[in-house]
Amino acid sequence: MCTLTLAWQVFVDAPLVVAANRDELADRPSEPPARIDSDPAVVAPRDAQAGGTWIGYNEHGVFAGVTNRWVVGLAAERSRGLLVREALRRPDAESAVRYVERAVDDDAYDGFNLVVADETAAFLLEWDGRLSVTPLDPGVHVVVNVGAALGGGGALTDSFFTPQERPERGQAQAENARAVRTALTPEPGEDADSWLDRARVVLGDHDYGVCVHEDGYGTRSSSLLRFGADGVRYWFASGPPCETPFEPVESQV
């Protein structure tokens, strides 16, 4: 996944709302969202090649989503998707952070930006051979391969870096992330459902550069999630959101 947008503690009716695009090789097999684990129950799409996932939630209301992080020099031994899947077995976001801190000591991973959140806490974990953990303020945050455009009214600043092998593309990603954050700044009186309606348009609007079409690579799917008092609602587009409708995912937790 290359774009992950999180509205945390922004809407009274939904403390956590997510809109995300996954970019991947066209021939990498995957399965649509379903219940992939029990005790606790986890709902997520599944990477059929490595067995992990890039986005999902569990019965405790814990969310996890990952993007690549464009760094070089790391010798991966374990899939980042398996890290996400294991994080979703934790009872709360803080426990998920503690798990990841141990996991990067035990196994080698490629670079990643990982968001874990529930209704009381949200964190951005950035791994480039060293793990940085940032508690997120209430606001709209946009995570891409080169860092994050961080929202909220606190002291947080954007966490972008310039990738060694593709500096111009990295700069474009940072600009796209800031544009998405601006576009999805909540409007006065807006509720979570209205925000999600706007988010699904932004995810498929090529002017924002987050719906990708390249030779053999591109945006393979898109996810919208709403965590509220009535539980979690999940909509999934099984192809590029510019041309693929979002369908509701049957609740399985």
Protein backbone atom coordinates (compact mmCIF):
# COMPACT_ATOMS: atom_id res chain seq x y z
CA MET A 1 0.00 0.00 0.00
CA CYS A 2 1.32 3.43 -0.87
CA THR A 3 -1.24 5.87 0.52
CA LEU A 4 -2.85 5.63 3.95
CA THR A 5 -5.10 8.44 5.20
CA LEU A 6 -6.24 8.40 8.81
CA ALA A 7 -8.77 10.72 10.46
CA TRP A 8 -8.29 10.09 14.17
CA GLN A 9 -10.42 11.70 16.89
CA VAL A 10 -11.83 14.10 14.31
CA PHE A 11 -15.51 13.09 14.18
CA VAL A 12 -17.80 12.68 17.18
CA ASP A 13 -19.68 9.82 15.51
CA ALA A 14 -16.53 7.88 14.55
CA PRO A 15 -13.22 8.24 16.42
CA LEU A 16 -11.28 6.44 13.67
CA VAL A 17 -11.82 6.68 9.90
CA VAL A 18 -9.43 5.37 7.23
CA ALA A 19 -9.11 5.78 3.45
CA ALA A 20 -6.25 3.92 1.76
CA ASN A 21 -4.92 2.78 -1.63
CA ARG A 22 -2.69 -0.25 -2.06
CA ASP A 23 -0.07 -0.12 -4.83
CA GLU A 24 1.52 -3.41 -5.85
CA LEU A 25 2.83 -5.50 -8.73
CA ALA A 26 0.02 -6.52 -11.05
CA ASP A 27 0.86 -10.22 -10.84
CA ARG A 28 1.09 -10.50 -7.03
CA PRO A 29 -1.92 -12.57 -5.93
CA SER A 30 -4.22 -11.41 -3.15
CA GLU A 31 -7.59 -12.24 -1.61
CA PRO A 32 -10.39 -9.80 -0.69
CA PRO A 33 -11.18 -8.89 2.93
CA ALA A 34 -12.44 -11.75 5.07
CA ARG A 35 -11.97 -13.14 8.54
CA ILE A 36 -8.37 -14.37 8.42
CA ASP A 37 -7.70 -15.01 12.13
CA SER A 38 -9.58 -15.82 15.32
CA ASP A 39 -8.94 -15.10 19.01
CA PRO A 40 -9.15 -12.26 18.37
CA ALA A 41 -11.12 -12.18 15.15
CA VAL A 42 -9.28 -10.25 12.42
CA VAL A 43 -10.83 -8.97 9.19
CA ALA A 44 -8.36 -8.09 6.43
CA PRO A 45 -7.48 -8.76 2.81
CA ARG A 46 -4.74 -11.33 2.43
CA ASP A 47 -1.52 -11.37 0.44
CA ALA A 48 -1.73 -14.84 -1.09
CA GLN A 49 2.01 -14.92 -1.77
CA ALA A 50 3.40 -14.30 1.74
CA GLY A 51 0.29 -14.82 3.85
CA GLY A 52 0.18 -11.43 5.52
CA THR A 53 -1.95 -8.33 5.01
CA TRP A 54 -1.49 -4.63 4.37
CA ILE A 55 -4.57 -3.35 6.20
CA GLY A 56 -7.20 -4.62 8.63
CA TYR A 57 -8.86 -4.51 12.02
CA ASN A 58 -9.73 -6.84 14.88
CA GLU A 59 -12.67 -7.44 17.18
CA HIS A 60 -11.22 -5.06 19.79
CA GLY A 61 -11.37 -2.13 17.35
CA VAL A 62 -7.62 -2.11 16.67
CA PHE A 63 -6.59 -0.93 13.20
CA ALA A 64 -3.28 -1.54 11.44
CA GLY A 65 -2.09 -0.46 8.00
CA VAL A 66 1.33 -0.39 6.36
CA THR A 67 3.11 1.31 3.47
CA ASN A 68 6.53 0.59 2.06
CA ARG A 69 9.33 2.93 3.12
CA TRP A 70 11.78 3.68 0.33
CA VAL A 71 15.07 2.94 2.04
CA VAL A 72 17.96 0.79 0.85
CA GLY A 73 20.42 -1.51 2.56
CA LEU A 74 18.02 -3.62 4.62
CA ALA A 75 18.13 -7.41 4.22
CA ALA A 76 14.56 -8.56 4.80
CA GLU A 77 13.93 -12.01 6.21
CA ARG A 78 10.23 -11.69 7.00
CA SER A 79 7.25 -10.15 5.22
CA ARG A 80 6.00 -6.82 6.50
CA GLY A 81 2.49 -8.13 5.92
CA LEU A 82 3.04 -10.79 8.56
CA LEU A 83 4.08 -8.02 10.96
CA VAL A 84 0.74 -6.30 10.33
CA ARG A 85 -1.15 -9.56 10.82
CA GLU A 86 0.56 -10.17 14.14
CA ALA A 87 -0.03 -6.59 15.28
CA LEU A 88 -3.75 -7.16 14.71
CA ARG A 89 -3.70 -9.94 17.27
CA ARG A 90 -3.11 -7.42 20.07
CA PRO A 91 -5.90 -6.09 22.33
CA ASP A 92 -5.10 -2.39 21.84
CA ALA A 93 -2.89 -0.03 19.88
CA GLU A 94 -0.28 0.37 22.61
CA SER A 95 0.15 -3.41 22.84
CA ALA A 96 0.59 -3.51 19.06
CA VAL A 97 3.40 -0.96 19.34
CA ARG A 98 5.13 -3.00 22.03
CA TYR A 99 4.87 -6.08 19.78
CA VAL A 100 6.45 -4.29 16.81
CA GLU A 101 9.29 -3.01 18.99
CA ARG A 102 10.14 -6.61 19.87
CA ALA A 103 9.56 -7.92 16.36
CA VAL A 104 12.12 -5.68 14.67
CA ASP A 105 14.71 -6.92 17.16
CA ASP A 106 13.86 -10.57 16.44
CA ASP A 107 13.58 -10.49 12.61
CA ALA A 108 14.78 -8.42 9.65
CA TYR A 109 12.24 -6.38 7.66
CA ASP A 110 12.33 -4.07 4.68
CA GLY A 111 11.54 -0.43 5.39
CA PHE A 112 8.00 0.33 6.44
CA ASN A 113 5.64 2.98 7.74
CA LEU A 114 3.06 1.35 10.00
CA VAL A 115 0.01 2.95 11.57
CA VAL A 116 -1.71 1.27 14.53
CA ALA A 117 -4.71 2.89 16.17
CA ASP A 118 -7.81 2.38 18.25
CA GLU A 119 -10.32 4.86 19.67
CA THR A 120 -7.96 6.01 22.43
CA ALA A 121 -4.49 6.06 20.83
CA ALA A 122 -2.83 6.23 17.41
CA PHE A 123 0.82 5.77 16.44
CA LEU A 124 3.05 6.06 13.38
CA LEU A 125 5.94 3.58 13.39
CA GLU A 126 8.74 4.25 10.87
CA TRP A 127 11.38 1.58 10.25
CA ASP A 128 14.57 2.22 8.27
CA GLY A 129 16.87 0.01 10.32
CA ARG A 130 15.93 2.07 13.37
CA LEU A 131 12.39 2.23 14.72
CA SER A 132 10.78 5.61 15.35
CA VAL A 133 7.44 5.66 17.20
CA THR A 134 5.32 8.84 17.02
CA PRO A 135 2.06 9.21 18.96
CA LEU A 136 -0.39 11.00 16.67
CA ASP A 137 -2.47 14.01 17.61
CA PRO A 138 -6.16 14.19 16.70
CA GLY A 139 -6.36 15.17 13.05
CA VAL A 140 -6.01 13.95 9.47
CA HIS A 141 -2.70 12.24 8.69
CA VAL A 142 -1.51 10.98 5.27
CA VAL A 143 1.21 8.32 5.10
CA VAL A 144 3.09 7.46 1.89
CA ASN A 145 6.35 5.70 1.00
CA VAL A 146 8.52 8.67 1.98
CA GLY A 147 6.93 9.55 5.30
CA ALA A 148 3.81 11.32 6.48
CA ALA A 149 1.90 14.59 6.26
CA LEU A 150 0.83 14.93 9.89
CA GLY A 151 -2.28 16.83 10.88
CA GLY A 152 -3.70 18.13 14.13
CA GLY A 153 -2.99 21.23 16.12
CA GLY A 154 -0.06 19.97 18.16
CA ALA A 155 3.69 20.23 17.73
CA LEU A 156 4.02 17.36 15.22
CA THR A 157 5.77 18.14 11.94
CA ASP A 158 5.73 16.28 8.63
CA SER A 159 8.15 13.35 8.60
CA PHE A 160 9.22 13.19 4.96
CA PHE A 161 12.68 12.13 3.80
CA THR A 162 14.36 12.06 0.39
CA PRO A 163 14.95 8.52 -0.92
CA GLN A 164 18.44 7.98 -2.31
CA GLU A 165 17.45 6.16 -5.49
CA ARG A 166 14.44 8.26 -6.55
CA PRO A 167 14.60 11.76 -5.03
CA GLU A 168 12.27 13.43 -7.57
CA ARG A 169 9.60 10.78 -7.16
CA GLY A 170 9.94 11.06 -3.41
CA GLN A 171 9.40 14.80 -3.56
CA ALA A 172 6.30 14.25 -5.70
CA GLN A 173 4.92 11.78 -3.17
CA ALA A 174 5.39 14.25 -0.35
CA GLU A 175 3.59 16.95 -2.34
CA ASN A 176 0.76 14.53 -3.14
CA ALA A 177 0.39 13.61 0.53
CA ARG A 178 0.15 17.26 1.56
CA ALA A 179 -2.44 17.87 -1.18
CA VAL A 180 -4.53 14.93 0.05
CA ARG A 181 -4.32 16.22 3.63
CA THR A 182 -5.51 19.65 2.50
CA ALA A 183 -8.32 18.19 0.39
CA LEU A 184 -9.52 16.01 3.26
CA THR A 185 -9.37 18.62 5.97
CA PRO A 186 -12.81 18.27 7.59
CA GLU A 187 -15.35 20.88 6.63
CA PRO A 188 -17.38 22.69 9.32
CA GLY A 189 -20.07 20.38 10.66
CA GLU A 190 -18.94 17.47 8.51
CA ASP A 191 -19.58 13.93 9.77
CA ALA A 192 -17.58 10.77 9.11
CA ASP A 193 -19.84 9.46 6.34
CA SER A 194 -19.62 12.71 4.39
CA TRP A 195 -15.85 12.74 4.81
CA LEU A 196 -15.63 9.18 3.49
CA ASP A 197 -17.71 10.16 0.45
CA ARG A 198 -15.13 12.84 -0.32
CA ALA A 199 -12.24 10.52 0.46
CA ARG A 200 -13.32 7.90 -2.04
CA VAL A 201 -13.30 10.59 -4.75
CA VAL A 202 -9.82 11.79 -3.75
CA LEU A 203 -8.43 8.23 -3.78
CA GLY A 204 -9.43 7.85 -7.43
CA ASP A 205 -8.66 11.38 -8.63
CA HIS A 206 -5.45 11.32 -10.66
CA ASP A 207 -4.79 14.98 -9.91
CA TYR A 208 -3.70 13.88 -6.43
CA GLY A 209 -1.30 11.27 -7.78
CA VAL A 210 -2.39 8.50 -5.41
CA CYS A 211 -4.19 6.30 -7.95
CA VAL A 212 -1.26 4.82 -9.86
CA HIS A 213 -1.19 3.19 -13.29
CA GLU A 214 2.19 1.94 -14.50
CA ASP A 215 3.40 -0.95 -16.64
CA GLY A 216 3.03 -4.06 -14.46
CA TYR A 217 2.47 -2.02 -11.31
CA GLY A 218 -0.19 0.23 -9.85
CA THR A 219 -3.08 0.72 -7.49
CA ARG A 220 -4.53 -2.74 -6.99
CA SER A 221 -7.24 -2.03 -4.42
CA SER A 222 -8.67 0.56 -2.08
CA SER A 223 -10.17 0.46 1.43
CA LEU A 224 -12.52 2.67 3.44
CA LEU A 225 -13.08 1.91 7.13
CA ARG A 226 -15.27 3.61 9.73
CA PHE A 227 -14.94 2.78 13.43
CA GLY A 228 -17.98 3.97 15.39
CA ALA A 229 -20.30 3.11 18.25
CA ASP A 230 -22.12 0.69 15.95
CA GLY A 231 -18.93 -1.22 15.18
CA VAL A 232 -16.66 -1.20 12.14
CA ARG A 233 -17.91 -0.66 8.62
CA TYR A 234 -15.59 -1.60 5.77
CA TRP A 235 -15.89 -0.89 2.05
CA PHE A 236 -13.43 -2.41 -0.44
CA ALA A 237 -12.66 -1.71 -4.09
CA SER A 238 -10.97 -4.73 -5.69
CA GLY A 239 -9.26 -2.60 -8.34
CA PRO A 240 -8.19 1.01 -8.95
CA PRO A 241 -10.71 3.33 -7.24
CA CYS A 242 -10.88 5.49 -10.37
CA GLU A 243 -12.80 2.69 -12.11
CA THR A 244 -13.83 0.17 -9.44
CA PRO A 245 -16.86 0.58 -7.15
CA PHE A 246 -16.52 0.16 -3.40
CA GLU A 247 -18.54 -2.74 -2.04
CA PRO A 248 -19.42 -3.30 1.63
CA VAL A 249 -17.45 -6.02 3.38
CA GLU A 250 -19.63 -8.32 5.42
CA SER A 251 -18.95 -7.90 9.13
CA GLN A 252 -17.22 -10.99 10.48
CA VAL A 253 -16.18 -10.03 14.01
